[in-house]
Amino acid sequence: MADLLEIADELYALPLAEFTPARDARVKELKGTPLAAQVKALRKPSTAAWVVNLLVRREAAQIDQVLSVGAALREAQEAMSAGELRALTRQRRQVTAAVTTQARRIAAEEGLRVTEAVAEQVEAALTAAMVDAECGRAVRSGLLVSGLRTTGIEPMDADDLASAVAVPAALGFSATPREAPRPGPPDLHLVPDPDRAAKAIAAAEERLAAAEEEYGAARATHADASDEIERLSARSLQLEAETDELRRRLADLEEQSEALEEELAEAEEVRDGAAADLRTATAERDAAQAALDRLG
C-alpha cells in the first residue's frame, strides 16, 4: 500500500489534464503486478479537489497552520458563549475565504481559471477541514478526488469521507510539498512565435475577466453586507425608541399606581369612619325603638 500511496502522491500532484494519461502510463509499466489494477482504479479528481490538492502541496505550512487553528478552536468552542461562537464562525469564514482566494491564484498560475462554483466547493472543503478532524486528515493527504462538506455539528459520514479520497489509506497520509515550477532561461535560438502577442493578449484578457468576476462578486458581497448593516441599524434605532417609550409608559403607570394606592388608603379610612358612625347610629336607633315599644 505504501507503493500505491507514493504513486498516488505523484499522480495527484500533476496538472489536471495530465492525470489520466500519466495514470494509464503507470498502469502499463506495472502490467502483471498487483499494483496495476489498484493504480488503474485511481479516479481523476474533480476540479475543486485538484485545486485543494494543489494548495496543500504548494502551501503545506499554511494548510498545517489552518488545521492547527481549527483543532484549537474545536477544543475551545465548548466553553464559549453564543456571542463568542458567532465571532468564531466569522473568523473561520474569513480564514477559509482568504485561503480560497490564494488557491485560485495558485491554480491560475497553473493555467486553470477557477469559477465561482468551484471556489465555493474549495471553500466548503477548507471549512470542513477546520470543523471536522477527519476531514482535515483527508485534505492534508493531498489525495482528494471529490469535495468535502460538513457543518461540524455532525461528523461527515464515514463512507462519504472514504469515497472522497483516492485510497482509504490516504487518511493519515501527508502530501509531499511541491514548489511552483520555475521558468527556465529563454532560448534565444527559438523561432519567434507569430501568435505570441495574440496569446499574451488573450491571457491578459482572461486574467482581467477573472479579476473583474472576483471584483464583481466582492463588490456584491460588500453591498449586501452594507445593506444588512443599514437594515439592522434602523431596526436597532426603532427598538431603542420603542424601549424608551415603554420605559416612559412604565414610569407613568408606576406614578399612577402610587397615587391610586394613596386614594385607596384614604377611601379605606373614610369607610372605617363611616362604619363606626353606622354602628353608633344603629345602636341609637335600636335603643329608641325599644323605648317606644315599652311606652306602647
Protein backbone atom coordinates (compact mmCIF):
# COMPACT_ATOMS: atom_id res chain seq x y z
CA MET A 1 0.00 0.00 0.00
CA ALA A 2 2.95 2.33 0.63
CA ASP A 3 3.92 1.97 -3.03
CA LEU A 4 0.37 2.79 -4.07
CA LEU A 5 0.39 5.91 -1.89
CA GLU A 6 3.69 7.02 -3.40
CA ILE A 7 2.33 6.58 -6.92
CA ALA A 8 -0.91 8.35 -5.98
CA ASP A 9 1.08 11.20 -4.41
CA GLU A 10 2.92 11.68 -7.70
CA LEU A 11 -0.18 11.43 -9.91
CA TYR A 12 -2.37 13.80 -7.88
CA ALA A 13 0.40 16.39 -7.94
CA LEU A 14 0.25 16.62 -11.74
CA PRO A 15 -1.71 19.20 -13.73
CA LEU A 16 -5.31 18.09 -14.03
CA ALA A 17 -5.13 17.43 -17.77
CA GLU A 18 -2.10 15.17 -17.33
CA PHE A 19 -3.59 12.91 -14.68
CA THR A 20 -5.34 10.33 -16.85
CA PRO A 21 -2.50 9.87 -19.42
CA ALA A 22 0.07 9.62 -16.63
CA ARG A 23 -2.03 7.13 -14.68
CA ASP A 24 -2.58 4.93 -17.73
CA ALA A 25 1.16 5.04 -18.48
CA ARG A 26 1.92 3.83 -14.95
CA VAL A 27 -0.62 1.03 -15.36
CA LYS A 28 1.27 -0.16 -18.44
CA GLU A 29 4.55 -0.03 -16.53
CA LEU A 30 3.01 -2.09 -13.73
CA LYS A 31 1.31 -4.60 -16.01
CA GLY A 32 1.34 -8.07 -14.48
CA THR A 33 1.74 -6.77 -10.89
CA PRO A 34 -0.93 -6.45 -8.17
CA LEU A 35 -0.44 -2.66 -8.24
CA ALA A 36 -1.62 -2.34 -11.84
CA ALA A 37 -5.31 -2.77 -11.01
CA GLN A 38 -5.03 -0.52 -7.95
CA VAL A 39 -3.43 2.28 -9.93
CA LYS A 40 -6.00 1.85 -12.71
CA ALA A 41 -8.73 2.35 -10.09
CA LEU A 42 -7.37 5.75 -9.08
CA ARG A 43 -10.04 8.28 -10.01
CA LYS A 44 -9.39 11.59 -11.70
CA PRO A 45 -10.04 14.36 -9.16
CA SER A 46 -12.79 16.91 -9.61
CA THR A 47 -11.62 20.42 -10.40
CA ALA A 48 -12.27 21.61 -6.84
CA ALA A 49 -10.48 18.57 -5.36
CA TRP A 50 -7.50 19.19 -7.65
CA VAL A 51 -7.32 22.84 -6.55
CA VAL A 52 -7.32 21.78 -2.88
CA ASN A 53 -4.64 19.15 -3.57
CA LEU A 54 -2.55 21.79 -5.35
CA LEU A 55 -2.92 24.20 -2.44
CA VAL A 56 -1.87 21.51 0.05
CA ARG A 57 1.31 20.80 -1.90
CA ARG A 58 2.23 24.42 -2.65
CA GLU A 59 1.29 25.88 0.75
CA ALA A 60 1.79 22.92 3.11
CA ALA A 61 2.88 25.10 6.05
CA GLN A 62 -0.17 27.35 5.71
CA ILE A 63 -2.52 24.36 5.49
CA ASP A 64 -0.92 22.87 8.62
CA GLN A 65 -1.47 26.18 10.39
CA VAL A 66 -5.12 26.32 9.27
CA LEU A 67 -5.69 22.78 10.54
CA SER A 68 -3.97 23.61 13.84
CA VAL A 69 -6.18 26.67 14.30
CA GLY A 70 -9.22 24.55 13.50
CA ALA A 71 -8.21 21.97 16.12
CA ALA A 72 -7.65 24.66 18.76
CA LEU A 73 -10.99 26.30 18.00
CA ARG A 74 -12.81 22.96 18.20
CA GLU A 75 -11.36 22.40 21.67
CA ALA A 76 -12.20 25.90 22.84
CA GLN A 77 -15.71 26.29 21.47
CA GLU A 78 -17.33 24.08 24.17
CA ALA A 79 -16.71 26.77 26.78
CA MET A 80 -17.69 29.70 24.56
CA SER A 81 -20.79 31.85 24.82
CA ALA A 82 -23.19 32.37 21.93
CA GLY A 83 -21.53 35.70 21.09
CA GLU A 84 -18.07 34.17 21.08
CA LEU A 85 -19.27 31.33 18.86
CA ARG A 86 -20.65 33.83 16.35
CA ALA A 87 -17.30 35.63 16.33
CA LEU A 88 -15.57 32.27 15.89
CA THR A 89 -17.77 31.45 12.92
CA ARG A 90 -16.92 34.79 11.30
CA GLN A 91 -13.22 34.13 11.89
CA ARG A 92 -13.44 30.72 10.23
CA ARG A 93 -15.19 32.24 7.23
CA GLN A 94 -12.54 34.92 6.90
CA VAL A 95 -9.73 32.36 7.07
CA THR A 96 -11.29 29.96 4.57
CA ALA A 97 -12.19 32.82 2.21
CA ALA A 98 -8.62 34.14 2.30
CA VAL A 99 -7.11 30.70 1.69
CA THR A 100 -9.60 30.04 -1.12
CA THR A 101 -8.51 33.27 -2.81
CA GLN A 102 -4.91 32.10 -2.57
CA ALA A 103 -5.89 28.71 -4.02
CA ARG A 104 -7.49 30.46 -7.01
CA ARG A 105 -4.29 32.41 -7.58
CA ILE A 106 -2.13 29.30 -7.46
CA ALA A 107 -4.48 27.48 -9.83
CA ALA A 108 -4.31 30.45 -12.22
CA GLU A 109 -0.52 30.11 -12.20
CA GLU A 110 -1.07 26.54 -13.41
CA GLY A 111 -3.27 27.82 -16.22
CA LEU A 112 -6.63 26.91 -14.65
CA ARG A 113 -9.27 29.58 -14.13
CA VAL A 114 -11.35 28.74 -11.05
CA THR A 115 -15.03 29.61 -11.40
CA GLU A 116 -17.20 30.84 -8.55
CA ALA A 117 -18.88 27.43 -8.32
CA VAL A 118 -15.52 25.66 -7.99
CA ALA A 119 -14.29 28.28 -5.49
CA GLU A 120 -17.39 27.62 -3.37
CA GLN A 121 -16.55 23.90 -3.32
CA VAL A 122 -12.92 24.65 -2.39
CA GLU A 123 -14.05 26.88 0.48
CA ALA A 124 -16.51 24.20 1.64
CA ALA A 125 -13.69 21.63 1.75
CA LEU A 126 -11.46 24.00 3.75
CA THR A 127 -14.31 24.74 6.16
CA ALA A 128 -14.90 21.01 6.61
CA ALA A 129 -11.19 20.55 7.34
CA MET A 130 -11.38 23.16 10.10
CA VAL A 131 -14.54 21.91 11.81
CA ASP A 132 -14.00 18.15 11.40
CA ALA A 133 -10.70 16.46 12.27
CA GLU A 134 -11.23 13.56 9.85
CA CYS A 135 -11.95 15.96 7.00
CA GLY A 136 -8.74 17.75 7.96
CA ARG A 137 -6.81 14.49 7.53
CA ALA A 138 -8.42 13.97 4.13
CA VAL A 139 -7.43 17.46 2.96
CA ARG A 140 -3.88 17.11 4.29
CA SER A 141 -3.41 13.90 2.29
CA GLY A 142 -3.50 15.84 -0.99
CA LEU A 143 -5.36 12.86 -2.45
CA LEU A 144 -8.89 14.26 -2.66
CA VAL A 145 -10.96 13.13 -5.62
CA SER A 146 -14.21 14.89 -4.68
CA GLY A 147 -15.41 17.66 -2.42
CA LEU A 148 -15.94 17.69 1.34
CA ARG A 149 -18.84 19.38 3.08
CA THR A 150 -19.90 19.38 6.72
CA THR A 151 -21.05 21.97 9.26
CA GLY A 152 -19.23 20.30 12.13
CA ILE A 153 -22.46 19.67 14.05
CA GLU A 154 -22.39 16.05 12.92
CA PRO A 155 -19.23 14.30 11.68
CA MET A 156 -19.06 13.55 7.97
CA ASP A 157 -20.38 10.10 7.09
CA ALA A 158 -17.53 7.59 7.07
CA ASP A 159 -18.50 6.15 3.68
CA ASP A 160 -18.73 9.62 2.12
CA LEU A 161 -15.35 10.53 3.59
CA ALA A 162 -13.74 7.32 2.29
CA SER A 163 -15.12 7.92 -1.21
CA ALA A 164 -13.74 11.48 -1.20
CA VAL A 165 -10.11 10.27 -1.18
CA ALA A 166 -8.21 8.22 -3.74
CA VAL A 167 -7.49 5.28 -1.42
CA PRO A 168 -8.64 4.51 2.16
CA ALA A 169 -5.06 4.72 3.43
CA ALA A 170 -4.99 8.40 2.38
CA LEU A 171 -6.39 9.34 5.78
CA GLY A 172 -3.29 9.92 7.84
CA PHE A 173 -1.04 10.43 4.79
CA SER A 174 0.56 13.83 4.18
CA ALA A 175 1.09 15.03 0.63
CA THR A 176 4.65 15.73 -0.43
CA PRO A 177 5.20 19.50 -0.76
CA ARG A 178 5.84 20.72 -4.29
CA GLU A 179 7.41 24.01 -5.32
CA ALA A 180 6.00 26.02 -8.17
CA PRO A 181 7.84 25.27 -11.40
CA ARG A 182 10.38 27.94 -12.19
CA PRO A 183 10.59 29.11 -15.79
CA GLY A 184 13.90 28.27 -17.42
CA PRO A 185 16.07 30.78 -19.25
CA PRO A 186 14.72 31.86 -22.62
CA ASP A 187 16.07 30.03 -25.64
CA LEU A 188 17.31 32.77 -27.91
CA HIS A 189 17.58 30.30 -30.80
CA LEU A 190 13.87 29.56 -30.90
CA VAL A 191 11.89 30.80 -33.87
CA PRO A 192 9.68 33.70 -32.79
CA ASP A 193 6.08 32.70 -32.28
CA PRO A 194 3.96 34.84 -34.64
CA ASP A 195 0.96 34.36 -32.35
CA ARG A 196 2.84 35.29 -29.20
CA ALA A 197 1.34 38.76 -28.98
CA ALA A 198 -2.17 37.43 -29.58
CA LYS A 199 -1.67 34.73 -26.99
CA ALA A 200 -0.38 37.27 -24.48
CA ILE A 201 -3.38 39.49 -25.12
CA ALA A 202 -5.76 36.54 -24.76
CA ALA A 203 -4.11 35.53 -21.50
CA ALA A 204 -4.28 39.10 -20.22
CA GLU A 205 -7.93 39.36 -21.21
CA GLU A 206 -8.70 36.09 -19.44
CA ARG A 207 -6.90 37.30 -16.33
CA LEU A 208 -8.79 40.58 -16.49
CA ALA A 209 -12.11 38.73 -16.89
CA ALA A 210 -11.32 36.58 -13.85
CA ALA A 211 -10.30 39.65 -11.84
CA GLU A 212 -13.46 41.50 -12.87
CA GLU A 213 -15.54 38.50 -11.88
CA GLU A 214 -13.89 38.38 -8.46
CA TYR A 215 -14.26 42.15 -8.14
CA GLY A 216 -17.95 41.95 -9.03
CA ALA A 217 -18.52 39.16 -6.53
CA ALA A 218 -16.63 41.03 -3.80
CA ARG A 219 -18.49 44.25 -4.55
CA ALA A 220 -21.85 42.47 -4.46
CA THR A 221 -20.95 40.84 -1.13
CA HIS A 222 -19.85 44.21 0.26
CA ALA A 223 -23.08 45.84 -0.94
CA ASP A 224 -25.18 43.09 0.62
CA ALA A 225 -23.30 43.43 3.90
CA SER A 226 -23.72 47.22 3.86
CA ASP A 227 -27.45 46.88 3.18
CA GLU A 228 -27.76 44.40 6.02
CA ILE A 229 -25.92 46.76 8.38
CA GLU A 230 -28.26 49.61 7.42
CA ARG A 231 -31.31 47.41 7.95
CA LEU A 232 -30.09 46.19 11.33
CA SER A 233 -29.07 49.71 12.40
CA ALA A 234 -32.52 51.04 11.51
CA ARG A 235 -34.16 48.20 13.40
CA SER A 236 -31.87 48.84 16.38
CA LEU A 237 -32.87 52.52 16.47
CA GLN A 238 -36.54 51.53 16.21
CA LEU A 239 -36.24 49.09 19.09
CA GLU A 240 -34.35 51.67 21.15
CA ALA A 241 -37.14 54.20 20.59
CA GLU A 242 -39.78 51.62 21.48
CA THR A 243 -37.83 50.70 24.61
CA ASP A 244 -37.64 54.36 25.69
CA GLU A 245 -41.37 54.73 25.13
CA LEU A 246 -42.07 51.63 27.21
CA ARG A 247 -39.83 52.96 29.99
CA ARG A 248 -41.77 56.27 29.99
CA ARG A 249 -45.07 54.40 29.97
CA LEU A 250 -43.90 52.20 32.85
CA ALA A 251 -42.88 55.28 34.86
CA ASP A 252 -46.32 56.84 34.27
CA LEU A 253 -48.06 53.64 35.33
CA GLU A 254 -45.93 53.38 38.47
CA GLU A 255 -46.80 57.01 39.34
CA GLN A 256 -50.49 56.33 38.75
CA SER A 257 -50.26 53.18 40.86
CA GLU A 258 -48.73 55.12 43.77
CA ALA A 259 -51.44 57.80 43.54
CA LEU A 260 -54.14 55.12 43.43
CA GLU A 261 -52.70 53.43 46.50
CA GLU A 262 -52.89 56.76 48.38
CA GLU A 263 -56.53 57.28 47.28
CA LEU A 264 -57.33 53.71 48.30
CA ALA A 265 -55.86 54.28 51.75
CA GLU A 266 -57.92 57.48 52.18
CA ALA A 267 -61.08 55.68 50.99
CA GLU A 268 -60.47 52.88 53.49
CA GLU A 269 -60.17 55.47 56.30
CA VAL A 270 -63.45 57.09 55.23
CA ARG A 271 -65.10 53.65 55.07
CA ASP A 272 -63.83 52.71 58.53
CA GLY A 273 -65.12 56.04 59.96
CA ALA A 274 -68.48 55.57 58.26
CA ALA A 275 -68.68 52.03 59.64
CA ALA A 276 -68.16 53.36 63.19
CA ASP A 277 -70.83 56.02 62.68
CA LEU A 278 -73.14 53.34 61.28
CA ARG A 279 -72.66 51.17 64.34
CA THR A 280 -73.38 54.16 66.66
CA ALA A 281 -76.47 55.14 64.65
CA THR A 282 -77.70 51.55 64.65
CA ALA A 283 -77.34 51.30 68.40
CA GLU A 284 -79.17 54.62 68.88
CA ARG A 285 -81.99 53.52 66.58
CA ASP A 286 -82.37 50.20 68.36
CA ALA A 287 -82.48 51.96 71.74
CA ALA A 288 -85.14 54.40 70.53
CA GLN A 289 -87.21 51.58 69.12
CA ALA A 290 -87.02 49.70 72.39
CA ALA A 291 -88.15 52.78 74.34
CA LEU A 292 -91.08 53.27 72.01
CA ASP A 293 -92.07 49.68 72.37
CA ARG A 294 -92.15 49.96 76.19
CA LEU A 295 -94.47 53.01 76.03
CA GLY A 296 -96.88 51.22 73.71
